[in-house]
Amino acid sequence: MVVSSTPEIVAEFGRGNVARSLIIAVASFGGMLAAPFVGIWADKYGRRKVLTVSLAIFGLAGVLGALAPTFEVFIASRVLVGAGSAGLLGLSVTSIADFWEGESRAKYIGYNSAALSLGLMIEPPIGGWVADVFGWRYAVAIMSVGLVVSYLIWNNLPEVATDNSKTLKQQLDPVKALLKEPLFLLSGAYIFIIFVSIFGAQVVGLPEMLREQFGMSEGERSIVFAVGGFSAAIGGFSLSRIKNCIGTKYAIYLATFMFASGNFVAGTASSEIFVYFAMVLFGFAEGFGISIIYNLVASLAGIQARATALMAIITVARLGQVTGSFGFGWLADFMTEQSQFLIAGGLYSLALIAQLVYAQTRAMKF
């Protein structure tokens, strides 16, 4: 609810470019700190309990952010947003993996991604419209809906049997074994690159580029992000079909190519239509590309370590968010936002080359 409004938020509090990055980064930092504990607790005490608490924290953070009297209080609310949201994606994927296997698992993980993307599609225009009409504080307050969802999850999500008699060392033994699995390590590295790019060039840089270069208002900027959300929803719904058609390995190649192409298109865009096209590429790649990595990790981990394994990947994603937010925020003082997109495109190009070379030399089959 704050991405398209970051220029107005920092202006109200009298802050500069670094503050825009800070708003995004601290939420990621809070999530990065909380994610490992969320996974461990979910494997030990159950998914429903931890997910309920996470949603409650997220909702309360929305209330605090809307009422924040100072920039420092607003930043504190963003840390809580990150901590509360840390388990939402990871534990939803974990729950799907607990109840489904094989192609059904991939299908429903894709549907979960699509649902998330539809929410992200609806959120920017709603948040942008609310911010335009009533102010950004009312847009932030919408996040308090997490309190309602927390109640619904507690009363409706079936709990998976867990073994809370294990010591922490015993609980982490399967995760240590995963750290020796090349596919798990490669999945983490790939997720890191994806989130560095998304939260650097797109989340931090794109709103300012749209405002300065194309003169877009908050509401107009939110439509651009909504296009990406809609495309991501289509990508999520298509995950199972893509996986069945070309397999996991080539699906990852395709996602990397689309991410690279989208960044290069945005980095050379001379009109708004190219920006929209870039968001279509970004969104579709995000919708199926990230989900297929989560499906791969869920398949590698057993049920007693699944939440911990997935939350480890989420932690890496959060680290990517922090790195991208601060790194590209710092670059904003030295280069244009479009130049940042070109750098991101270069990162994906290198990642694609590395994927092709590694798969060829190690004869990776998955």
Protein backbone atom coordinates (compact mmCIF):
# COMPACT_ATOMS: atom_id res chain seq x y z
CA MET A 1 0.00 0.00 0.00
CA VAL A 2 2.99 2.35 0.20
CA VAL A 3 5.07 1.62 -2.91
CA SER A 4 3.44 4.17 -5.21
CA SER A 5 3.25 6.73 -2.39
CA THR A 6 6.86 6.72 -1.22
CA PRO A 7 7.62 10.15 -2.80
CA GLU A 8 4.71 11.72 -0.88
CA ILE A 9 5.53 9.95 2.40
CA VAL A 10 9.13 11.14 2.47
CA ALA A 11 8.01 14.63 1.43
CA GLU A 12 5.58 14.87 4.39
CA PHE A 13 8.31 13.89 6.81
CA GLY A 14 10.92 16.10 5.10
CA ARG A 15 13.23 13.29 4.03
CA GLY A 16 15.19 12.56 0.83
CA ASN A 17 15.98 9.74 -1.61
CA VAL A 18 17.61 7.49 0.98
CA ALA A 19 14.40 7.59 3.03
CA ARG A 20 12.46 6.14 0.07
CA SER A 21 14.79 3.18 0.07
CA LEU A 22 14.59 2.92 3.85
CA ILE A 23 10.79 2.59 3.80
CA ILE A 24 11.08 -0.46 1.58
CA ALA A 25 14.24 -1.90 3.09
CA VAL A 26 13.25 -1.91 6.77
CA ALA A 27 10.17 -3.99 6.03
CA SER A 28 12.38 -6.47 4.24
CA PHE A 29 14.87 -6.35 7.12
CA GLY A 30 12.14 -7.11 9.66
CA GLY A 31 11.02 -10.04 7.53
CA MET A 32 14.59 -11.26 7.12
CA LEU A 33 15.08 -11.37 10.89
CA ALA A 34 11.73 -13.01 11.60
CA ALA A 35 11.63 -15.58 8.78
CA PRO A 36 14.02 -18.21 10.23
CA PHE A 37 12.16 -18.24 13.55
CA VAL A 38 8.80 -18.45 11.79
CA GLY A 39 9.91 -21.57 9.94
CA ILE A 40 11.34 -23.25 13.03
CA TRP A 41 8.28 -22.45 15.14
CA ALA A 42 5.89 -23.61 12.40
CA ASP A 43 7.65 -26.98 12.14
CA LYS A 44 7.64 -27.34 15.92
CA TYR A 45 4.28 -25.90 17.04
CA GLY A 46 2.15 -26.00 13.87
CA ARG A 47 1.44 -23.85 10.84
CA ARG A 48 -1.91 -22.45 11.99
CA LYS A 49 -0.65 -20.98 15.27
CA VAL A 50 2.30 -19.18 13.71
CA LEU A 51 0.32 -17.96 10.69
CA THR A 52 -2.40 -16.53 12.96
CA VAL A 53 0.11 -14.56 15.01
CA SER A 54 1.89 -13.33 11.87
CA LEU A 55 -1.34 -11.95 10.43
CA ALA A 56 -2.22 -10.22 13.70
CA ILE A 57 1.18 -8.49 13.79
CA PHE A 58 0.75 -7.42 10.16
CA GLY A 59 -2.67 -5.92 10.89
CA LEU A 60 -1.48 -4.04 13.97
CA ALA A 61 1.46 -2.67 11.98
CA GLY A 62 -0.99 -1.16 9.50
CA VAL A 63 -2.76 0.67 12.32
CA LEU A 64 0.53 1.97 13.73
CA GLY A 65 1.76 3.16 10.32
CA ALA A 66 -1.46 5.02 9.60
CA LEU A 67 -1.24 6.88 12.90
CA ALA A 68 2.53 7.46 12.87
CA PRO A 69 3.32 11.01 14.11
CA THR A 70 6.99 10.88 13.06
CA PHE A 71 9.10 9.22 10.40
CA GLU A 72 10.76 7.09 13.08
CA VAL A 73 7.42 5.66 14.22
CA PHE A 74 6.44 5.00 10.62
CA ILE A 75 9.71 3.14 10.07
CA ALA A 76 9.02 1.07 13.20
CA SER A 77 5.63 0.14 11.74
CA ARG A 78 7.35 -0.96 8.55
CA VAL A 79 9.65 -3.26 10.53
CA LEU A 80 6.53 -4.85 12.06
CA VAL A 81 4.97 -5.15 8.59
CA GLY A 82 8.00 -7.12 7.52
CA ALA A 83 8.01 -9.31 10.63
CA GLY A 84 4.30 -10.00 10.34
CA SER A 85 4.38 -10.73 6.63
CA ALA A 86 7.46 -12.97 6.93
CA GLY A 87 5.40 -16.12 7.35
CA LEU A 88 2.50 -15.31 5.04
CA LEU A 89 4.01 -16.51 1.76
CA GLY A 90 6.26 -19.22 3.17
CA LEU A 91 3.61 -20.80 5.39
CA SER A 92 0.92 -20.67 2.71
CA VAL A 93 3.24 -22.58 0.36
CA THR A 94 4.15 -24.94 3.22
CA SER A 95 0.49 -25.67 3.91
CA ILE A 96 -0.17 -26.41 0.25
CA ALA A 97 2.83 -28.75 0.13
CA ASP A 98 1.58 -30.49 3.29
CA PHE A 99 -1.77 -31.40 1.73
CA TRP A 100 -0.87 -31.97 -1.96
CA GLU A 101 1.91 -33.70 -3.90
CA GLY A 102 3.21 -33.89 -7.47
CA GLU A 103 1.40 -31.97 -10.19
CA SER A 104 -1.41 -30.98 -7.82
CA ARG A 105 1.13 -29.34 -5.55
CA ALA A 106 2.63 -27.35 -8.43
CA LYS A 107 -0.84 -26.35 -9.61
CA TYR A 108 -1.96 -25.05 -6.22
CA ILE A 109 1.32 -23.31 -5.49
CA GLY A 110 0.78 -21.57 -8.82
CA TYR A 111 -2.77 -20.69 -7.82
CA ASN A 112 -1.45 -19.32 -4.53
CA SER A 113 0.97 -17.15 -6.48
CA ALA A 114 -1.86 -16.02 -8.74
CA ALA A 115 -4.02 -15.10 -5.75
CA LEU A 116 -1.13 -13.12 -4.28
CA SER A 117 -0.58 -11.41 -7.61
CA LEU A 118 -4.27 -10.53 -7.94
CA GLY A 119 -4.04 -8.96 -4.52
CA LEU A 120 -0.99 -7.02 -5.66
CA MET A 121 -2.88 -6.04 -8.81
CA ILE A 122 -5.86 -4.76 -6.85
CA GLU A 123 -3.78 -3.14 -4.13
CA PRO A 124 -1.92 -0.48 -6.19
CA PRO A 125 -5.00 1.14 -7.79
CA ILE A 126 -6.95 0.91 -4.53
CA GLY A 127 -4.03 2.23 -2.50
CA GLY A 128 -3.24 4.86 -5.12
CA TRP A 129 -6.86 6.01 -5.34
CA VAL A 130 -7.21 6.14 -1.55
CA ALA A 131 -3.91 8.03 -1.31
CA ASP A 132 -4.98 10.47 -4.05
CA VAL A 133 -8.38 11.17 -2.45
CA PHE A 134 -7.78 10.80 1.28
CA GLY A 135 -4.00 10.71 1.74
CA TRP A 136 -1.40 7.98 2.10
CA ARG A 137 -2.24 7.32 5.77
CA TYR A 138 -5.64 5.91 4.83
CA ALA A 139 -3.99 3.68 2.25
CA VAL A 140 -1.63 2.29 4.92
CA ALA A 141 -4.59 1.67 7.26
CA ILE A 142 -6.02 -0.88 4.79
CA MET A 143 -3.38 -3.34 6.02
CA SER A 144 -5.29 -3.65 9.30
CA VAL A 145 -7.47 -6.20 7.48
CA GLY A 146 -4.79 -8.65 8.61
CA LEU A 147 -6.52 -8.75 12.00
CA VAL A 148 -9.71 -10.07 10.41
CA VAL A 149 -7.87 -12.64 8.31
CA SER A 150 -5.98 -13.79 11.40
CA TYR A 151 -9.28 -14.68 13.07
CA LEU A 152 -10.48 -16.55 9.96
CA ILE A 153 -7.26 -18.58 9.69
CA TRP A 154 -7.42 -19.61 13.35
CA ASN A 155 -10.95 -20.90 12.94
CA ASN A 156 -10.68 -22.56 9.52
CA LEU A 157 -7.15 -23.81 8.68
CA PRO A 158 -6.61 -27.50 9.57
CA GLU A 159 -3.49 -28.08 11.65
CA VAL A 160 -0.75 -30.46 10.54
CA ALA A 161 0.64 -32.82 13.18
CA THR A 162 4.13 -31.71 14.28
CA ASP A 163 6.71 -33.17 16.64
CA ASN A 164 7.45 -30.56 19.31
CA SER A 165 9.53 -33.00 21.37
CA LYS A 166 12.59 -32.57 19.15
CA THR A 167 15.45 -30.38 20.25
CA LEU A 168 16.48 -27.47 18.05
CA LYS A 169 19.50 -29.44 16.85
CA GLN A 170 17.36 -32.43 15.90
CA GLN A 171 14.91 -30.17 14.12
CA LEU A 172 17.66 -28.51 12.09
CA ASP A 173 19.44 -31.73 11.05
CA PRO A 174 17.30 -32.19 7.87
CA VAL A 175 17.90 -28.55 6.95
CA LYS A 176 21.66 -29.03 7.32
CA ALA A 177 21.39 -31.93 4.89
CA LEU A 178 19.60 -29.66 2.42
CA LEU A 179 22.51 -27.22 2.57
CA LYS A 180 24.58 -29.91 0.82
CA GLU A 181 22.01 -30.19 -1.96
CA PRO A 182 23.10 -28.16 -5.04
CA LEU A 183 19.52 -27.49 -6.17
CA PHE A 184 18.66 -25.98 -2.78
CA LEU A 185 21.70 -23.69 -2.86
CA LEU A 186 21.06 -22.67 -6.47
CA SER A 187 17.43 -21.93 -5.61
CA GLY A 188 18.57 -19.58 -2.85
CA ALA A 189 21.04 -17.80 -5.12
CA TYR A 190 18.42 -17.34 -7.85
CA ILE A 191 15.80 -16.03 -5.43
CA PHE A 192 18.36 -13.55 -4.10
CA ILE A 193 18.98 -12.12 -7.57
CA ILE A 194 15.26 -11.90 -8.32
CA PHE A 195 14.47 -9.94 -5.17
CA VAL A 196 17.49 -7.66 -5.47
CA SER A 197 16.15 -6.63 -8.87
CA ILE A 198 12.48 -6.37 -7.92
CA PHE A 199 13.01 -4.33 -4.77
CA GLY A 200 15.83 -2.31 -6.29
CA ALA A 201 14.99 -1.25 -9.81
CA GLN A 202 11.22 -1.82 -9.68
CA VAL A 203 10.05 -0.97 -6.16
CA VAL A 204 12.54 1.79 -5.36
CA GLY A 205 13.39 3.17 -8.78
CA LEU A 206 10.25 2.76 -10.89
CA PRO A 207 7.89 5.11 -8.94
CA GLU A 208 10.41 7.95 -9.20
CA MET A 209 11.06 7.22 -12.88
CA LEU A 210 7.34 7.31 -13.62
CA ARG A 211 6.92 10.56 -11.70
CA GLU A 212 9.92 12.42 -13.12
CA GLN A 213 10.19 11.09 -16.67
CA PHE A 214 6.52 10.52 -17.48
CA GLY A 215 4.80 12.89 -15.01
CA MET A 216 2.50 10.23 -13.53
CA SER A 217 0.44 10.85 -10.39
CA GLU A 218 0.16 8.34 -7.52
CA GLY A 219 -2.95 6.83 -9.07
CA GLU A 220 -1.40 6.57 -12.52
CA ARG A 221 1.74 4.98 -11.10
CA SER A 222 -0.38 2.44 -9.26
CA ILE A 223 -1.94 1.34 -12.58
CA VAL A 224 1.53 0.47 -13.89
CA PHE A 225 2.10 -1.80 -10.90
CA ALA A 226 -1.38 -3.26 -11.33
CA VAL A 227 -0.48 -4.33 -14.88
CA GLY A 228 2.48 -6.23 -13.46
CA GLY A 229 0.22 -7.82 -10.84
CA PHE A 230 -2.29 -8.97 -13.46
CA SER A 231 0.47 -10.46 -15.59
CA ALA A 232 1.90 -12.23 -12.52
CA ALA A 233 -1.52 -13.71 -11.80
CA ILE A 234 -1.62 -15.17 -15.31
CA GLY A 235 1.90 -16.52 -14.79
CA GLY A 236 0.86 -18.16 -11.53
CA PHE A 237 -2.20 -19.78 -13.08
CA SER A 238 0.05 -21.03 -15.89
CA LEU A 239 2.70 -22.61 -13.64
CA SER A 240 1.43 -26.19 -13.83
CA ARG A 241 0.93 -25.98 -17.59
CA ILE A 242 4.40 -24.51 -18.17
CA LYS A 243 6.00 -27.13 -15.92
CA ASN A 244 4.21 -29.96 -17.70
CA CYS A 245 5.10 -28.57 -21.12
CA ILE A 246 8.82 -27.78 -20.77
CA GLY A 247 9.85 -29.05 -17.33
CA THR A 248 11.23 -27.26 -14.28
CA LYS A 249 14.70 -26.57 -15.69
CA TYR A 250 13.53 -24.89 -18.88
CA ALA A 251 10.81 -23.02 -16.99
CA ILE A 252 13.55 -21.45 -14.87
CA TYR A 253 15.50 -20.54 -18.02
CA LEU A 254 12.38 -18.94 -19.49
CA ALA A 255 11.69 -16.92 -16.34
CA THR A 256 15.28 -15.64 -16.25
CA PHE A 257 15.13 -14.63 -19.92
CA MET A 258 11.85 -12.76 -19.35
CA PHE A 259 13.22 -10.98 -16.27
CA ALA A 260 16.29 -9.86 -18.24
CA SER A 261 14.18 -8.73 -21.20
CA GLY A 262 11.79 -6.76 -18.99
CA ASN A 263 14.64 -4.87 -17.35
CA PHE A 264 16.23 -4.02 -20.69
CA VAL A 265 12.88 -2.79 -22.06
CA ALA A 266 12.31 -0.60 -18.98
CA GLY A 267 15.88 0.65 -19.13
CA THR A 268 15.46 1.88 -22.70
CA ALA A 269 11.77 2.93 -22.55
CA SER A 270 11.05 6.14 -24.43
CA SER A 271 7.30 6.12 -23.83
CA GLU A 272 4.79 4.74 -21.35
CA ILE A 273 3.80 1.83 -23.60
CA PHE A 274 7.26 0.31 -23.21
CA VAL A 275 7.02 0.58 -19.44
CA TYR A 276 3.71 -1.30 -19.52
CA PHE A 277 5.25 -3.96 -21.76
CA ALA A 278 8.16 -4.32 -19.34
CA MET A 279 5.69 -4.83 -16.47
CA VAL A 280 3.94 -7.58 -18.45
CA LEU A 281 7.29 -9.38 -18.82
CA PHE A 282 8.24 -8.80 -15.17
CA GLY A 283 4.87 -9.94 -13.92
CA PHE A 284 4.55 -13.14 -15.94
CA ALA A 285 8.10 -14.21 -15.05
CA GLU A 286 7.48 -13.46 -11.39
CA GLY A 287 4.18 -15.34 -11.37
CA PHE A 288 5.56 -18.69 -12.46
CA GLY A 289 9.32 -18.25 -11.93
CA ILE A 290 9.31 -17.65 -8.17
CA SER A 291 6.57 -20.23 -7.61
CA ILE A 292 8.46 -22.96 -9.42
CA ILE A 293 11.43 -22.38 -7.11
CA TYR A 294 9.16 -22.67 -4.06
CA ASN A 295 7.68 -25.87 -5.50
CA LEU A 296 11.19 -27.26 -6.04
CA VAL A 297 12.25 -26.48 -2.46
CA ALA A 298 9.01 -27.89 -1.01
CA SER A 299 9.65 -31.11 -2.92
CA LEU A 300 13.22 -31.35 -1.65
CA ALA A 301 12.25 -30.96 2.02
CA GLY A 302 10.33 -33.46 4.17
CA ILE A 303 7.20 -32.46 6.07
CA GLN A 304 9.00 -32.07 9.42
CA ALA A 305 11.49 -29.55 7.97
CA ARG A 306 9.43 -28.07 5.13
CA ALA A 307 8.51 -24.79 6.81
CA THR A 308 12.08 -24.23 7.99
CA ALA A 309 13.45 -24.93 4.49
CA LEU A 310 10.96 -22.66 2.76
CA MET A 311 11.45 -19.91 5.32
CA ALA A 312 15.21 -20.18 4.76
CA ILE A 313 14.55 -19.36 1.10
CA ILE A 314 12.22 -16.55 2.20
CA THR A 315 15.03 -15.23 4.42
CA VAL A 316 17.33 -15.13 1.39
CA ALA A 317 14.57 -13.33 -0.52
CA ARG A 318 14.29 -10.77 2.28
CA LEU A 319 18.07 -10.30 2.20
CA GLY A 320 17.70 -9.64 -1.51
CA GLN A 321 15.00 -7.09 -0.78
CA VAL A 322 17.22 -5.24 1.70
CA THR A 323 20.24 -5.39 -0.61
CA GLY A 324 18.22 -4.20 -3.59
CA SER A 325 16.47 -1.40 -1.69
CA PHE A 326 19.63 0.07 -0.19
CA GLY A 327 21.89 -0.71 -3.13
CA PHE A 328 19.68 0.79 -5.81
CA GLY A 329 18.66 3.63 -3.49
CA TRP A 330 22.33 4.49 -3.17
CA LEU A 331 22.78 4.22 -6.94
CA ALA A 332 19.94 6.76 -7.39
CA ASP A 333 22.36 9.51 -6.33
CA PHE A 334 24.77 8.58 -9.14
CA MET A 335 22.66 7.39 -12.08
CA THR A 336 19.19 7.51 -13.55
CA GLU A 337 16.52 4.95 -12.72
CA GLN A 338 16.65 3.66 -16.30
CA SER A 339 20.36 2.95 -15.93
CA GLN A 340 19.51 0.90 -12.85
CA PHE A 341 17.14 -1.24 -14.93
CA LEU A 342 19.97 -1.89 -17.37
CA ILE A 343 22.17 -3.06 -14.49
CA ALA A 344 19.39 -5.40 -13.32
CA GLY A 345 19.02 -6.75 -16.85
CA GLY A 346 22.74 -7.45 -16.90
CA LEU A 347 22.48 -9.38 -13.62
CA TYR A 348 19.77 -11.62 -15.09
CA SER A 349 21.78 -12.15 -18.25
CA LEU A 350 24.73 -13.34 -16.18
CA ALA A 351 22.38 -15.55 -14.14
CA LEU A 352 21.02 -17.16 -17.31
CA ILE A 353 24.52 -17.84 -18.62
CA ALA A 354 25.48 -19.34 -15.24
CA GLN A 355 22.36 -21.54 -15.22
CA LEU A 356 23.08 -22.86 -18.71
CA VAL A 357 26.75 -23.52 -18.02
CA TYR A 358 26.15 -25.15 -14.64
CA ALA A 359 23.37 -27.38 -15.94
CA GLN A 360 25.56 -28.47 -18.83
CA THR A 361 28.68 -29.18 -16.80
CA ARG A 362 26.88 -30.89 -13.89
CA ALA A 363 24.26 -32.65 -16.04
CA MET A 364 21.55 -31.30 -13.76
CA LYS A 365 18.20 -33.04 -14.22
CA PHE A 366 15.12 -31.76 -12.41
